[in-house]
Amino acid sequence: MNEAMTRFNQAIGPVWMELKTKAEELLNAFPGCGVSLQFDFPGVIYDTKERRLTQKQLNFSVVLNGIRIPEHQHFLNEARLSAIALSLYFAGLLISIPPPVPGAPAYPNFPER
């Protein structure tokens, strides 16, 4: 179990960075948005006594115009919260969908600016 957990923790680290980068790229398409994201994933740990995984959470914070916003969900307006949520969702799609099979129709795509 420890070996599998270590492999998982090592494999997921680059995914969080790629997700953050892609989400911020989408957010930056909106002039004046000023939002950047921070992820902290300490890695899962296996509790041998309880026989379960612990420390499974991803800690997420928002930085607005260079200032970290604690409890951002209470401070930011609905438009910014929606923009963050949609950017994370679309970034997840963009980094996880494999390239189309040769000869198959292309996936739907956002038009380039």
PDB file of N, CA and C in Angstrom:
ATOM      1  N   MET A   1       0.817  -1.189   0.000  1.00  0.00           N
ATOM      2  CA  MET A   1       0.000   0.000   0.000  1.00  0.00           C
ATOM      3  C   MET A   1       0.869   1.263   0.000  1.00  0.00           C
ATOM      4  N   ASN A   2       1.932   1.239   0.780  1.00  0.00           N
ATOM      5  CA  ASN A   2       2.807   2.418   0.836  1.00  0.00           C
ATOM      6  C   ASN A   2       3.428   2.722  -0.518  1.00  0.00           C
ATOM      7  N   GLU A   3       3.791   1.685  -1.251  1.00  0.00           N
ATOM      8  CA  GLU A   3       4.378   1.887  -2.575  1.00  0.00           C
ATOM      9  C   GLU A   3       3.372   2.515  -3.535  1.00  0.00           C
ATOM     10  N   ALA A   4       2.138   2.029  -3.522  1.00  0.00           N
ATOM     11  CA  ALA A   4       1.088   2.574  -4.390  1.00  0.00           C
ATOM     12  C   ALA A   4       0.786   4.019  -4.007  1.00  0.00           C
ATOM     13  N   MET A   5       0.749   4.300  -2.721  1.00  0.00           N
ATOM     14  CA  MET A   5       0.481   5.646  -2.249  1.00  0.00           C
ATOM     15  C   MET A   5       1.598   6.602  -2.675  1.00  0.00           C
ATOM     16  N   THR A   6       2.826   6.163  -2.577  1.00  0.00           N
ATOM     17  CA  THR A   6       3.960   6.992  -2.993  1.00  0.00           C
ATOM     18  C   THR A   6       3.902   7.271  -4.486  1.00  0.00           C
ATOM     19  N   ARG A   7       3.600   6.255  -5.291  1.00  0.00           N
ATOM     20  CA  ARG A   7       3.479   6.452  -6.746  1.00  0.00           C
ATOM     21  C   ARG A   7       2.369   7.452  -7.062  1.00  0.00           C
ATOM     22  N   PHE A   8       1.234   7.320  -6.363  1.00  0.00           N
ATOM     23  CA  PHE A   8       0.121   8.242  -6.583  1.00  0.00           C
ATOM     24  C   PHE A   8       0.533   9.674  -6.248  1.00  0.00           C
ATOM     25  N   ASN A   9       1.123   9.874  -5.078  1.00  0.00           N
ATOM     26  CA  ASN A   9       1.532  11.221  -4.660  1.00  0.00           C
ATOM     27  C   ASN A   9       2.529  11.835  -5.639  1.00  0.00           C
ATOM     28  N   GLN A  10       3.453  11.039  -6.159  1.00  0.00           N
ATOM     29  CA  GLN A  10       4.424  11.546  -7.130  1.00  0.00           C
ATOM     30  C   GLN A  10       3.772  11.839  -8.475  1.00  0.00           C
ATOM     31  N   ALA A  11       2.800  11.043  -8.859  1.00  0.00           N
ATOM     32  CA  ALA A  11       2.162  11.227 -10.162  1.00  0.00           C
ATOM     33  C   ALA A  11       1.192  12.400 -10.175  1.00  0.00           C
ATOM     34  N   ILE A  12       0.540  12.671  -9.055  1.00  0.00           N
ATOM     35  CA  ILE A  12      -0.502  13.702  -9.046  1.00  0.00           C
ATOM     36  C   ILE A  12       0.071  15.117  -8.948  1.00  0.00           C
ATOM     37  N   GLY A  13       1.285  15.269  -8.420  1.00  0.00           N
ATOM     38  CA  GLY A  13       1.886  16.593  -8.269  1.00  0.00           C
ATOM     39  C   GLY A  13       1.935  17.398  -9.561  1.00  0.00           C
ATOM     40  N   PRO A  14       2.470  16.839 -10.642  1.00  0.00           N
ATOM     41  CA  PRO A  14       2.506  17.592 -11.897  1.00  0.00           C
ATOM     42  C   PRO A  14       1.110  17.905 -12.459  1.00  0.00           C
ATOM     43  N   VAL A  15       0.145  17.089 -12.136  1.00  0.00           N
ATOM     44  CA  VAL A  15      -1.227  17.323 -12.629  1.00  0.00           C
ATOM     45  C   VAL A  15      -1.786  18.598 -12.010  1.00  0.00           C
ATOM     46  N   TRP A  16      -1.548  18.800 -10.701  1.00  0.00           N
ATOM     47  CA  TRP A  16      -2.044  20.020 -10.068  1.00  0.00           C
ATOM     48  C   TRP A  16      -1.412  21.250 -10.698  1.00  0.00           C
ATOM     49  N   MET A  17      -0.122  21.190 -11.004  1.00  0.00           N
ATOM     50  CA  MET A  17       0.545  22.336 -11.632  1.00  0.00           C
ATOM     51  C   MET A  17      -0.009  22.608 -13.021  1.00  0.00           C
ATOM     52  N   GLU A  18      -0.240  21.544 -13.778  1.00  0.00           N
ATOM     53  CA  GLU A  18      -0.792  21.711 -15.128  1.00  0.00           C
ATOM     54  C   GLU A  18      -2.209  22.274 -15.066  1.00  0.00           C
ATOM     55  N   LEU A  19      -3.004  21.795 -14.112  1.00  0.00           N
ATOM     56  CA  LEU A  19      -4.364  22.304 -13.939  1.00  0.00           C
ATOM     57  C   LEU A  19      -4.339  23.779 -13.562  1.00  0.00           C
ATOM     58  N   LYS A  20      -3.483  24.152 -12.636  1.00  0.00           N
ATOM     59  CA  LYS A  20      -3.356  25.551 -12.210  1.00  0.00           C
ATOM     60  C   LYS A  20      -2.943  26.439 -13.381  1.00  0.00           C
ATOM     61  N   THR A  21      -1.947  26.009 -14.125  1.00  0.00           N
ATOM     62  CA  THR A  21      -1.454  26.793 -15.255  1.00  0.00           C
ATOM     63  C   THR A  21      -2.536  26.999 -16.302  1.00  0.00           C
ATOM     64  N   LYS A  22      -3.238  25.934 -16.656  1.00  0.00           N
ATOM     65  CA  LYS A  22      -4.277  26.024 -17.681  1.00  0.00           C
ATOM     66  C   LYS A  22      -5.458  26.859 -17.185  1.00  0.00           C
ATOM     67  N   ALA A  23      -5.848  26.702 -15.925  1.00  0.00           N
ATOM     68  CA  ALA A  23      -6.963  27.484 -15.377  1.00  0.00           C
ATOM     69  C   ALA A  23      -6.613  28.970 -15.351  1.00  0.00           C
ATOM     70  N   GLU A  24      -5.395  29.292 -14.954  1.00  0.00           N
ATOM     71  CA  GLU A  24      -4.980  30.697 -14.934  1.00  0.00           C
ATOM     72  C   GLU A  24      -4.890  31.266 -16.349  1.00  0.00           C
ATOM     73  N   GLU A  25      -4.509  30.438 -17.295  1.00  0.00           N
ATOM     74  CA  GLU A  25      -4.484  30.873 -18.694  1.00  0.00           C
ATOM     75  C   GLU A  25      -5.892  31.252 -19.143  1.00  0.00           C
ATOM     76  N   LEU A  26      -6.876  30.465 -18.770  1.00  0.00           N
ATOM     77  CA  LEU A  26      -8.272  30.772 -19.115  1.00  0.00           C
ATOM     78  C   LEU A  26      -8.745  32.025 -18.383  1.00  0.00           C
ATOM     79  N   LEU A  27      -8.405  32.154 -17.114  1.00  0.00           N
ATOM     80  CA  LEU A  27      -8.811  33.339 -16.355  1.00  0.00           C
ATOM     81  C   LEU A  27      -8.193  34.611 -16.915  1.00  0.00           C
ATOM     82  N   ASN A  28      -6.958  34.522 -17.378  1.00  0.00           N
ATOM     83  CA  ASN A  28      -6.276  35.701 -17.909  1.00  0.00           C
ATOM     84  C   ASN A  28      -6.873  36.194 -19.220  1.00  0.00           C
ATOM     85  N   ALA A  29      -7.753  35.397 -19.819  1.00  0.00           N
ATOM     86  CA  ALA A  29      -8.429  35.838 -21.037  1.00  0.00           C
ATOM     87  C   ALA A  29      -9.430  36.951 -20.736  1.00  0.00           C
ATOM     88  N   PHE A  30      -9.775  37.127 -19.448  1.00  0.00           N
ATOM     89  CA  PHE A  30     -10.709  38.176 -19.049  1.00  0.00           C
ATOM     90  C   PHE A  30      -9.904  39.362 -18.523  1.00  0.00           C
ATOM     91  N   PRO A  31      -9.914  40.482 -19.255  1.00  0.00           N
ATOM     92  CA  PRO A  31      -9.136  41.649 -18.826  1.00  0.00           C
ATOM     93  C   PRO A  31      -9.543  42.116 -17.425  1.00  0.00           C
ATOM     94  N   GLY A  32      -8.552  42.388 -16.603  1.00  0.00           N
ATOM     95  CA  GLY A  32      -8.813  42.915 -15.274  1.00  0.00           C
ATOM     96  C   GLY A  32      -9.271  41.895 -14.257  1.00  0.00           C
ATOM     97  N   CYS A  33      -9.255  40.623 -14.609  1.00  0.00           N
ATOM     98  CA  CYS A  33      -9.717  39.592 -13.678  1.00  0.00           C
ATOM     99  C   CYS A  33      -8.841  39.582 -12.425  1.00  0.00           C
ATOM    100  N   GLY A  34      -7.531  39.576 -12.585  1.00  0.00           N
ATOM    101  CA  GLY A  34      -6.615  39.669 -11.461  1.00  0.00           C
ATOM    102  C   GLY A  34      -6.593  38.490 -10.516  1.00  0.00           C
ATOM    103  N   VAL A  35      -7.128  37.344 -10.948  1.00  0.00           N
ATOM    104  CA  VAL A  35      -7.215  36.176 -10.077  1.00  0.00           C
ATOM    105  C   VAL A  35      -6.135  35.168 -10.443  1.00  0.00           C
ATOM    106  N   SER A  36      -5.430  34.683  -9.436  1.00  0.00           N
ATOM    107  CA  SER A  36      -4.534  33.549  -9.622  1.00  0.00           C
ATOM    108  C   SER A  36      -4.871  32.519  -8.542  1.00  0.00           C
ATOM    109  N   LEU A  37      -4.448  31.301  -8.767  1.00  0.00           N
ATOM    110  CA  LEU A  37      -4.838  30.191  -7.903  1.00  0.00           C
ATOM    111  C   LEU A  37      -3.617  29.564  -7.255  1.00  0.00           C
ATOM    112  N   GLN A  38      -3.808  29.008  -6.080  1.00  0.00           N
ATOM    113  CA  GLN A  38      -2.752  28.272  -5.400  1.00  0.00           C
ATOM    114  C   GLN A  38      -3.319  26.939  -4.922  1.00  0.00           C
ATOM    115  N   PHE A  39      -2.600  25.870  -5.210  1.00  0.00           N
ATOM    116  CA  PHE A  39      -2.975  24.536  -4.751  1.00  0.00           C
ATOM    117  C   PHE A  39      -1.906  24.039  -3.790  1.00  0.00           C
ATOM    118  N   ASP A  40      -2.343  23.375  -2.752  1.00  0.00           N
ATOM    119  CA  ASP A  40      -1.414  22.710  -1.841  1.00  0.00           C
ATOM    120  C   ASP A  40      -1.967  21.319  -1.577  1.00  0.00           C
ATOM    121  N   PHE A  41      -1.273  20.325  -2.091  1.00  0.00           N
ATOM    122  CA  PHE A  41      -1.671  18.939  -1.877  1.00  0.00           C
ATOM    123  C   PHE A  41      -0.548  18.244  -1.132  1.00  0.00           C
ATOM    124  N   PRO A  42      -0.714  18.052   0.197  1.00  0.00           N
ATOM    125  CA  PRO A  42       0.363  17.457   0.974  1.00  0.00           C
ATOM    126  C   PRO A  42       0.609  15.984   0.657  1.00  0.00           C
ATOM    127  N   GLY A  43      -0.317  15.337   0.006  1.00  0.00           N
ATOM    128  CA  GLY A  43      -0.163  13.926  -0.339  1.00  0.00           C
ATOM    129  C   GLY A  43      -0.916  13.035   0.628  1.00  0.00           C
ATOM    130  N   VAL A  44      -1.496  11.983   0.108  1.00  0.00           N
ATOM    131  CA  VAL A  44      -2.254  11.062   0.955  1.00  0.00           C
ATOM    132  C   VAL A  44      -1.305  10.234   1.813  1.00  0.00           C
ATOM    133  N   ILE A  45      -1.810   9.834   2.952  1.00  0.00           N
ATOM    134  CA  ILE A  45      -1.059   8.995   3.886  1.00  0.00           C
ATOM    135  C   ILE A  45      -1.953   7.816   4.251  1.00  0.00           C
ATOM    136  N   TYR A  46      -1.343   6.646   4.357  1.00  0.00           N
ATOM    137  CA  TYR A  46      -2.102   5.464   4.756  1.00  0.00           C
ATOM    138  C   TYR A  46      -1.934   5.243   6.258  1.00  0.00           C
ATOM    139  N   ASP A  47      -3.064   5.250   6.957  1.00  0.00           N
ATOM    140  CA  ASP A  47      -3.084   4.995   8.392  1.00  0.00           C
ATOM    141  C   ASP A  47      -3.198   3.487   8.596  1.00  0.00           C
ATOM    142  N   THR A  48      -2.122   2.870   9.059  1.00  0.00           N
ATOM    143  CA  THR A  48      -2.105   1.404   9.185  1.00  0.00           C
ATOM    144  C   THR A  48      -3.016   0.912  10.303  1.00  0.00           C
ATOM    145  N   LYS A  49      -3.210   1.713  11.335  1.00  0.00           N
ATOM    146  CA  LYS A  49      -4.094   1.292  12.429  1.00  0.00           C
ATOM    147  C   LYS A  49      -5.554   1.333  12.004  1.00  0.00           C
ATOM    148  N   GLU A  50      -5.939   2.412  11.347  1.00  0.00           N
ATOM    149  CA  GLU A  50      -7.331   2.572  10.897  1.00  0.00           C
ATOM    150  C   GLU A  50      -7.597   1.879   9.563  1.00  0.00           C
ATOM    151  N   ARG A  51      -6.510   1.540   8.865  1.00  0.00           N
ATOM    152  CA  ARG A  51      -6.587   0.903   7.549  1.00  0.00           C
ATOM    153  C   ARG A  51      -7.405   1.745   6.564  1.00  0.00           C
ATOM    154  N   ARG A  52      -6.988   3.013   6.471  1.00  0.00           N
ATOM    155  CA  ARG A  52      -7.654   3.924   5.541  1.00  0.00           C
ATOM    156  C   ARG A  52      -6.688   5.043   5.153  1.00  0.00           C
ATOM    157  N   LEU A  53      -7.013   5.683   4.051  1.00  0.00           N
ATOM    158  CA  LEU A  53      -6.218   6.825   3.597  1.00  0.00           C
ATOM    159  C   LEU A  53      -6.631   8.074   4.362  1.00  0.00           C
ATOM    160  N   THR A  54      -5.648   8.861   4.729  1.00  0.00           N
ATOM    161  CA  THR A  54      -5.920  10.136   5.390  1.00  0.00           C
ATOM    162  C   THR A  54      -5.242  11.241   4.585  1.00  0.00           C
ATOM    163  N   GLN A  55      -5.498  12.481   4.989  1.00  0.00           N
ATOM    164  CA  GLN A  55      -4.887  13.647   4.353  1.00  0.00           C
ATOM    165  C   GLN A  55      -5.172  13.659   2.853  1.00  0.00           C
ATOM    166  N   LYS A  56      -6.439  13.491   2.506  1.00  0.00           N
ATOM    167  CA  LYS A  56      -6.845  13.352   1.105  1.00  0.00           C
ATOM    168  C   LYS A  56      -7.278  14.675   0.474  1.00  0.00           C
ATOM    169  N   GLN A  57      -7.221  15.756   1.192  1.00  0.00           N
ATOM    170  CA  GLN A  57      -7.762  17.003   0.673  1.00  0.00           C
ATOM    171  C   GLN A  57      -6.740  17.797  -0.129  1.00  0.00           C
ATOM    172  N   LEU A  58      -7.270  18.550  -1.061  1.00  0.00           N
ATOM    173  CA  LEU A  58      -6.492  19.515  -1.824  1.00  0.00           C
ATOM    174  C   LEU A  58      -6.809  20.881  -1.232  1.00  0.00           C
ATOM    175  N   ASN A  59      -5.811  21.565  -0.744  1.00  0.00           N
ATOM    176  CA  ASN A  59      -6.011  22.904  -0.180  1.00  0.00           C
ATOM    177  C   ASN A  59      -5.906  23.910  -1.321  1.00  0.00           C
ATOM    178  N   PHE A  60      -6.909  24.744  -1.428  1.00  0.00           N
ATOM    179  CA  PHE A  60      -7.061  25.655  -2.552  1.00  0.00           C
ATOM    180  C   PHE A  60      -7.189  27.070  -2.015  1.00  0.00           C
ATOM    181  N   SER A  61      -6.448  28.001  -2.588  1.00  0.00           N
ATOM    182  CA  SER A  61      -6.607  29.397  -2.201  1.00  0.00           C
ATOM    183  C   SER A  61      -6.575  30.277  -3.445  1.00  0.00           C
ATOM    184  N   VAL A  62      -7.153  31.449  -3.287  1.00  0.00           N
ATOM    185  CA  VAL A  62      -7.278  32.403  -4.386  1.00  0.00           C
ATOM    186  C   VAL A  62      -6.479  33.656  -4.039  1.00  0.00           C
ATOM    187  N   VAL A  63      -5.770  34.157  -5.032  1.00  0.00           N
ATOM    188  CA  VAL A  63      -5.019  35.400  -4.897  1.00  0.00           C
ATOM    189  C   VAL A  63      -5.651  36.409  -5.849  1.00  0.00           C
ATOM    190  N   LEU A  64      -6.047  37.545  -5.325  1.00  0.00           N
ATOM    191  CA  LEU A  64      -6.668  38.596  -6.125  1.00  0.00           C
ATOM    192  C   LEU A  64      -5.748  39.801  -6.136  1.00  0.00           C
ATOM    193  N   ASN A  65      -5.272  40.156  -7.324  1.00  0.00           N
ATOM    194  CA  ASN A  65      -4.356  41.299  -7.488  1.00  0.00           C
ATOM    195  C   ASN A  65      -3.172  41.216  -6.530  1.00  0.00           C
ATOM    196  N   GLY A  66      -2.617  40.001  -6.385  1.00  0.00           N
ATOM    197  CA  GLY A  66      -1.425  39.805  -5.573  1.00  0.00           C
ATOM    198  C   GLY A  66      -1.671  39.603  -4.092  1.00  0.00           C
ATOM    199  N   ILE A  67      -2.925  39.632  -3.656  1.00  0.00           N
ATOM    200  CA  ILE A  67      -3.243  39.470  -2.230  1.00  0.00           C
ATOM    201  C   ILE A  67      -4.047  38.187  -2.040  1.00  0.00           C
ATOM    202  N   ARG A  68      -3.535  37.305  -1.162  1.00  0.00           N
ATOM    203  CA  ARG A  68      -4.251  36.062  -0.866  1.00  0.00           C
ATOM    204  C   ARG A  68      -5.538  36.405  -0.134  1.00  0.00           C
ATOM    205  N   ILE A  69      -6.647  35.818  -0.598  1.00  0.00           N
ATOM    206  CA  ILE A  69      -7.957  36.096  -0.033  1.00  0.00           C
ATOM    207  C   ILE A  69      -8.388  34.908   0.829  1.00  0.00           C
ATOM    208  N   PRO A  70      -8.313  35.029   2.159  1.00  0.00           N
ATOM    209  CA  PRO A  70      -8.814  33.933   2.990  1.00  0.00           C
ATOM    210  C   PRO A  70     -10.335  33.871   2.874  1.00  0.00           C
ATOM    211  N   GLU A  71     -10.859  32.688   2.863  1.00  0.00           N
ATOM    212  CA  GLU A  71     -12.299  32.462   2.708  1.00  0.00           C
ATOM    213  C   GLU A  71     -12.841  33.226   1.499  1.00  0.00           C
ATOM    214  N   HIS A  72     -12.190  32.993   0.365  1.00  0.00           N
ATOM    215  CA  HIS A  72     -12.539  33.701  -0.871  1.00  0.00           C
ATOM    216  C   HIS A  72     -14.006  33.538  -1.256  1.00  0.00           C
ATOM    217  N   GLN A  73     -14.623  32.431  -0.867  1.00  0.00           N
ATOM    218  CA  GLN A  73     -16.012  32.183  -1.228  1.00  0.00           C
ATOM    219  C   GLN A  73     -16.960  33.194  -0.581  1.00  0.00           C
ATOM    220  N   HIS A  74     -16.515  33.855   0.498  1.00  0.00           N
ATOM    221  CA  HIS A  74     -17.337  34.875   1.153  1.00  0.00           C
ATOM    222  C   HIS A  74     -17.000  36.284   0.679  1.00  0.00           C
ATOM    223  N   PHE A  75     -15.847  36.437   0.045  1.00  0.00           N
ATOM    224  CA  PHE A  75     -15.377  37.764  -0.340  1.00  0.00           C
ATOM    225  C   PHE A  75     -15.648  38.074  -1.808  1.00  0.00           C
ATOM    226  N   LEU A  76     -15.389  37.114  -2.696  1.00  0.00           N
ATOM    227  CA  LEU A  76     -15.519  37.362  -4.131  1.00  0.00           C
ATOM    228  C   LEU A  76     -16.986  37.331  -4.557  1.00  0.00           C
ATOM    229  N   ASN A  77     -17.287  38.108  -5.594  1.00  0.00           N
ATOM    230  CA  ASN A  77     -18.657  38.114  -6.086  1.00  0.00           C
ATOM    231  C   ASN A  77     -18.939  36.846  -6.909  1.00  0.00           C
ATOM    232  N   GLU A  78     -20.185  36.650  -7.228  1.00  0.00           N
ATOM    233  CA  GLU A  78     -20.611  35.428  -7.917  1.00  0.00           C
ATOM    234  C   GLU A  78     -19.959  35.283  -9.290  1.00  0.00           C
ATOM    235  N   ALA A  79     -19.737  36.396  -9.968  1.00  0.00           N
ATOM    236  CA  ALA A  79     -19.117  36.332 -11.294  1.00  0.00           C
ATOM    237  C   ALA A  79     -17.688  35.791 -11.203  1.00  0.00           C
ATOM    238  N   ARG A  80     -16.911  36.276 -10.244  1.00  0.00           N
ATOM    239  CA  ARG A  80     -15.539  35.782 -10.102  1.00  0.00           C
ATOM    240  C   ARG A  80     -15.512  34.331  -9.636  1.00  0.00           C
ATOM    241  N   LEU A  81     -16.399  33.976  -8.710  1.00  0.00           N
ATOM    242  CA  LEU A  81     -16.460  32.584  -8.254  1.00  0.00           C
ATOM    243  C   LEU A  81     -16.843  31.657  -9.403  1.00  0.00           C
ATOM    244  N   SER A  82     -17.790  32.092 -10.224  1.00  0.00           N
ATOM    245  CA  SER A  82     -18.183  31.290 -11.385  1.00  0.00           C
ATOM    246  C   SER A  82     -17.044  31.182 -12.383  1.00  0.00           C
ATOM    247  N   ALA A  83     -16.318  32.269 -12.588  1.00  0.00           N
ATOM    248  CA  ALA A  83     -15.178  32.250 -13.510  1.00  0.00           C
ATOM    249  C   ALA A  83     -14.111  31.270 -13.024  1.00  0.00           C
ATOM    250  N   ILE A  84     -13.852  31.256 -11.723  1.00  0.00           N
ATOM    251  CA  ILE A  84     -12.865  30.325 -11.159  1.00  0.00           C
ATOM    252  C   ILE A  84     -13.336  28.890 -11.354  1.00  0.00           C
ATOM    253  N   ALA A  85     -14.600  28.631 -11.018  1.00  0.00           N
ATOM    254  CA  ALA A  85     -15.131  27.271 -11.140  1.00  0.00           C
ATOM    255  C   ALA A  85     -15.098  26.789 -12.588  1.00  0.00           C
ATOM    256  N   LEU A  86     -15.537  27.640 -13.507  1.00  0.00           N
ATOM    257  CA  LEU A  86     -15.545  27.242 -14.918  1.00  0.00           C
ATOM    258  C   LEU A  86     -14.132  27.075 -15.459  1.00  0.00           C
ATOM    259  N   SER A  87     -13.210  27.939 -15.036  1.00  0.00           N
ATOM    260  CA  SER A  87     -11.833  27.799 -15.521  1.00  0.00           C
ATOM    261  C   SER A  87     -11.224  26.488 -15.030  1.00  0.00           C
ATOM    262  N   LEU A  88     -11.507  26.103 -13.793  1.00  0.00           N
ATOM    263  CA  LEU A  88     -11.004  24.823 -13.291  1.00  0.00           C
ATOM    264  C   LEU A  88     -11.636  23.651 -14.035  1.00  0.00           C
ATOM    265  N   TYR A  89     -12.934  23.742 -14.286  1.00  0.00           N
ATOM    266  CA  TYR A  89     -13.626  22.671 -15.007  1.00  0.00           C
ATOM    267  C   TYR A  89     -13.069  22.524 -16.426  1.00  0.00           C
ATOM    268  N   PHE A  90     -13.002  23.641 -17.152  1.00  0.00           N
ATOM    269  CA  PHE A  90     -12.512  23.574 -18.535  1.00  0.00           C
ATOM    270  C   PHE A  90     -11.029  23.218 -18.592  1.00  0.00           C
ATOM    271  N   ALA A  91     -10.251  23.700 -17.636  1.00  0.00           N
ATOM    272  CA  ALA A  91      -8.833  23.322 -17.594  1.00  0.00           C
ATOM    273  C   ALA A  91      -8.695  21.822 -17.386  1.00  0.00           C
ATOM    274  N   GLY A  92      -9.521  21.255 -16.517  1.00  0.00           N
ATOM    275  CA  GLY A  92      -9.506  19.807 -16.307  1.00  0.00           C
ATOM    276  C   GLY A  92      -9.822  19.055 -17.578  1.00  0.00           C
ATOM    277  N   LEU A  93     -10.801  19.549 -18.325  1.00  0.00           N
ATOM    278  CA  LEU A  93     -11.130  18.918 -19.612  1.00  0.00           C
ATOM    279  C   LEU A  93      -9.973  19.036 -20.592  1.00  0.00           C
ATOM    280  N   LEU A  94      -9.398  20.224 -20.665  1.00  0.00           N
ATOM    281  CA  LEU A  94      -8.331  20.455 -21.640  1.00  0.00           C
ATOM    282  C   LEU A  94      -7.088  19.611 -21.371  1.00  0.00           C
ATOM    283  N   ILE A  95      -6.787  19.350 -20.104  1.00  0.00           N
ATOM    284  CA  ILE A  95      -5.580  18.569 -19.829  1.00  0.00           C
ATOM    285  C   ILE A  95      -5.845  17.067 -19.779  1.00  0.00           C
ATOM    286  N   SER A  96      -7.114  16.666 -19.745  1.00  0.00           N
ATOM    287  CA  SER A  96      -7.381  15.232 -19.593  1.00  0.00           C
ATOM    288  C   SER A  96      -7.926  14.555 -20.838  1.00  0.00           C
ATOM    289  N   ILE A  97      -8.455  15.309 -21.767  1.00  0.00           N
ATOM    290  CA  ILE A  97      -9.012  14.686 -22.974  1.00  0.00           C
ATOM    291  C   ILE A  97      -7.864  14.324 -23.914  1.00  0.00           C
ATOM    292  N   PRO A  98      -7.788  13.060 -24.303  1.00  0.00           N
ATOM    293  CA  PRO A  98      -6.705  12.660 -25.210  1.00  0.00           C
ATOM    294  C   PRO A  98      -6.924  13.240 -26.603  1.00  0.00           C
ATOM    295  N   PRO A  99      -5.882  13.278 -27.422  1.00  0.00           N
ATOM    296  CA  PRO A  99      -6.044  13.784 -28.787  1.00  0.00           C
ATOM    297  C   PRO A  99      -7.019  12.886 -29.560  1.00  0.00           C
ATOM    298  N   PRO A 100      -7.728  13.453 -30.543  1.00  0.00           N
ATOM    299  CA  PRO A 100      -8.689  12.642 -31.289  1.00  0.00           C
ATOM    300  C   PRO A 100      -8.003  11.519 -32.066  1.00  0.00           C
ATOM    301  N   VAL A 101      -8.734  10.477 -32.255  1.00  0.00           N
ATOM    302  CA  VAL A 101      -8.250   9.337 -33.039  1.00  0.00           C
ATOM    303  C   VAL A 101      -8.095   9.794 -34.485  1.00  0.00           C
ATOM    304  N   PRO A 102      -7.011   9.421 -35.171  1.00  0.00           N
ATOM    305  CA  PRO A 102      -6.844   9.835 -36.566  1.00  0.00           C
ATOM    306  C   PRO A 102      -8.055   9.426 -37.415  1.00  0.00           C
ATOM    307  N   GLY A 103      -8.542  10.382 -38.170  1.00  0.00           N
ATOM    308  CA  GLY A 103      -9.683  10.133 -39.042  1.00  0.00           C
ATOM    309  C   GLY A 103     -11.026  10.418 -38.381  1.00  0.00           C
ATOM    310  N   ALA A 104     -11.051  10.591 -37.069  1.00  0.00           N
ATOM    311  CA  ALA A 104     -12.299  10.899 -36.355  1.00  0.00           C
ATOM    312  C   ALA A 104     -12.493  12.413 -36.334  1.00  0.00           C
ATOM    313  N   PRO A 105     -13.731  12.856 -36.159  1.00  0.00           N
ATOM    314  CA  PRO A 105     -13.955  14.304 -36.080  1.00  0.00           C
ATOM    315  C   PRO A 105     -13.218  14.897 -34.874  1.00  0.00           C
ATOM    316  N   ALA A 106     -12.812  16.127 -35.000  1.00  0.00           N
ATOM    317  CA  ALA A 106     -12.114  16.812 -33.906  1.00  0.00           C
ATOM    318  C   ALA A 106     -13.090  17.096 -32.777  1.00  0.00           C
ATOM    319  N   TYR A 107     -12.558  17.193 -31.564  1.00  0.00           N
ATOM    320  CA  TYR A 107     -13.381  17.554 -30.417  1.00  0.00           C
ATOM    321  C   TYR A 107     -13.839  18.999 -30.561  1.00  0.00           C
ATOM    322  N   PRO A 108     -14.973  19.353 -29.954  1.00  0.00           N
ATOM    323  CA  PRO A 108     -15.363  20.775 -29.939  1.00  0.00           C
ATOM    324  C   PRO A 108     -14.264  21.589 -29.280  1.00  0.00           C
ATOM    325  N   ASN A 109     -14.056  22.791 -29.777  1.00  0.00           N
ATOM    326  CA  ASN A 109     -12.946  23.592 -29.288  1.00  0.00           C
ATOM    327  C   ASN A 109     -13.373  25.040 -29.167  1.00  0.00           C
ATOM    328  N   PHE A 110     -12.727  25.781 -28.267  1.00  0.00           N
ATOM    329  CA  PHE A 110     -12.969  27.201 -28.156  1.00  0.00           C
ATOM    330  C   PHE A 110     -12.222  27.887 -29.298  1.00  0.00           C
ATOM    331  N   PRO A 111     -12.835  28.888 -29.916  1.00  0.00           N
ATOM    332  CA  PRO A 111     -12.127  29.601 -30.978  1.00  0.00           C
ATOM    333  C   PRO A 111     -10.965  30.387 -30.407  1.00  0.00           C
ATOM    334  N   GLU A 112      -9.884  30.454 -31.160  1.00  0.00           N
ATOM    335  CA  GLU A 112      -8.713  31.237 -30.745  1.00  0.00           C
ATOM    336  C   GLU A 112      -9.011  32.709 -30.909  1.00  0.00           C
ATOM    337  N   ARG A 113      -8.417  33.503 -30.038  1.00  0.00           N
ATOM    338  CA  ARG A 113      -8.616  34.966 -30.114  1.00  0.00           C
ATOM    339  C   ARG A 113      -7.614  35.581 -31.012  1.00  0.00           C
TER     340      ARG A 113
END
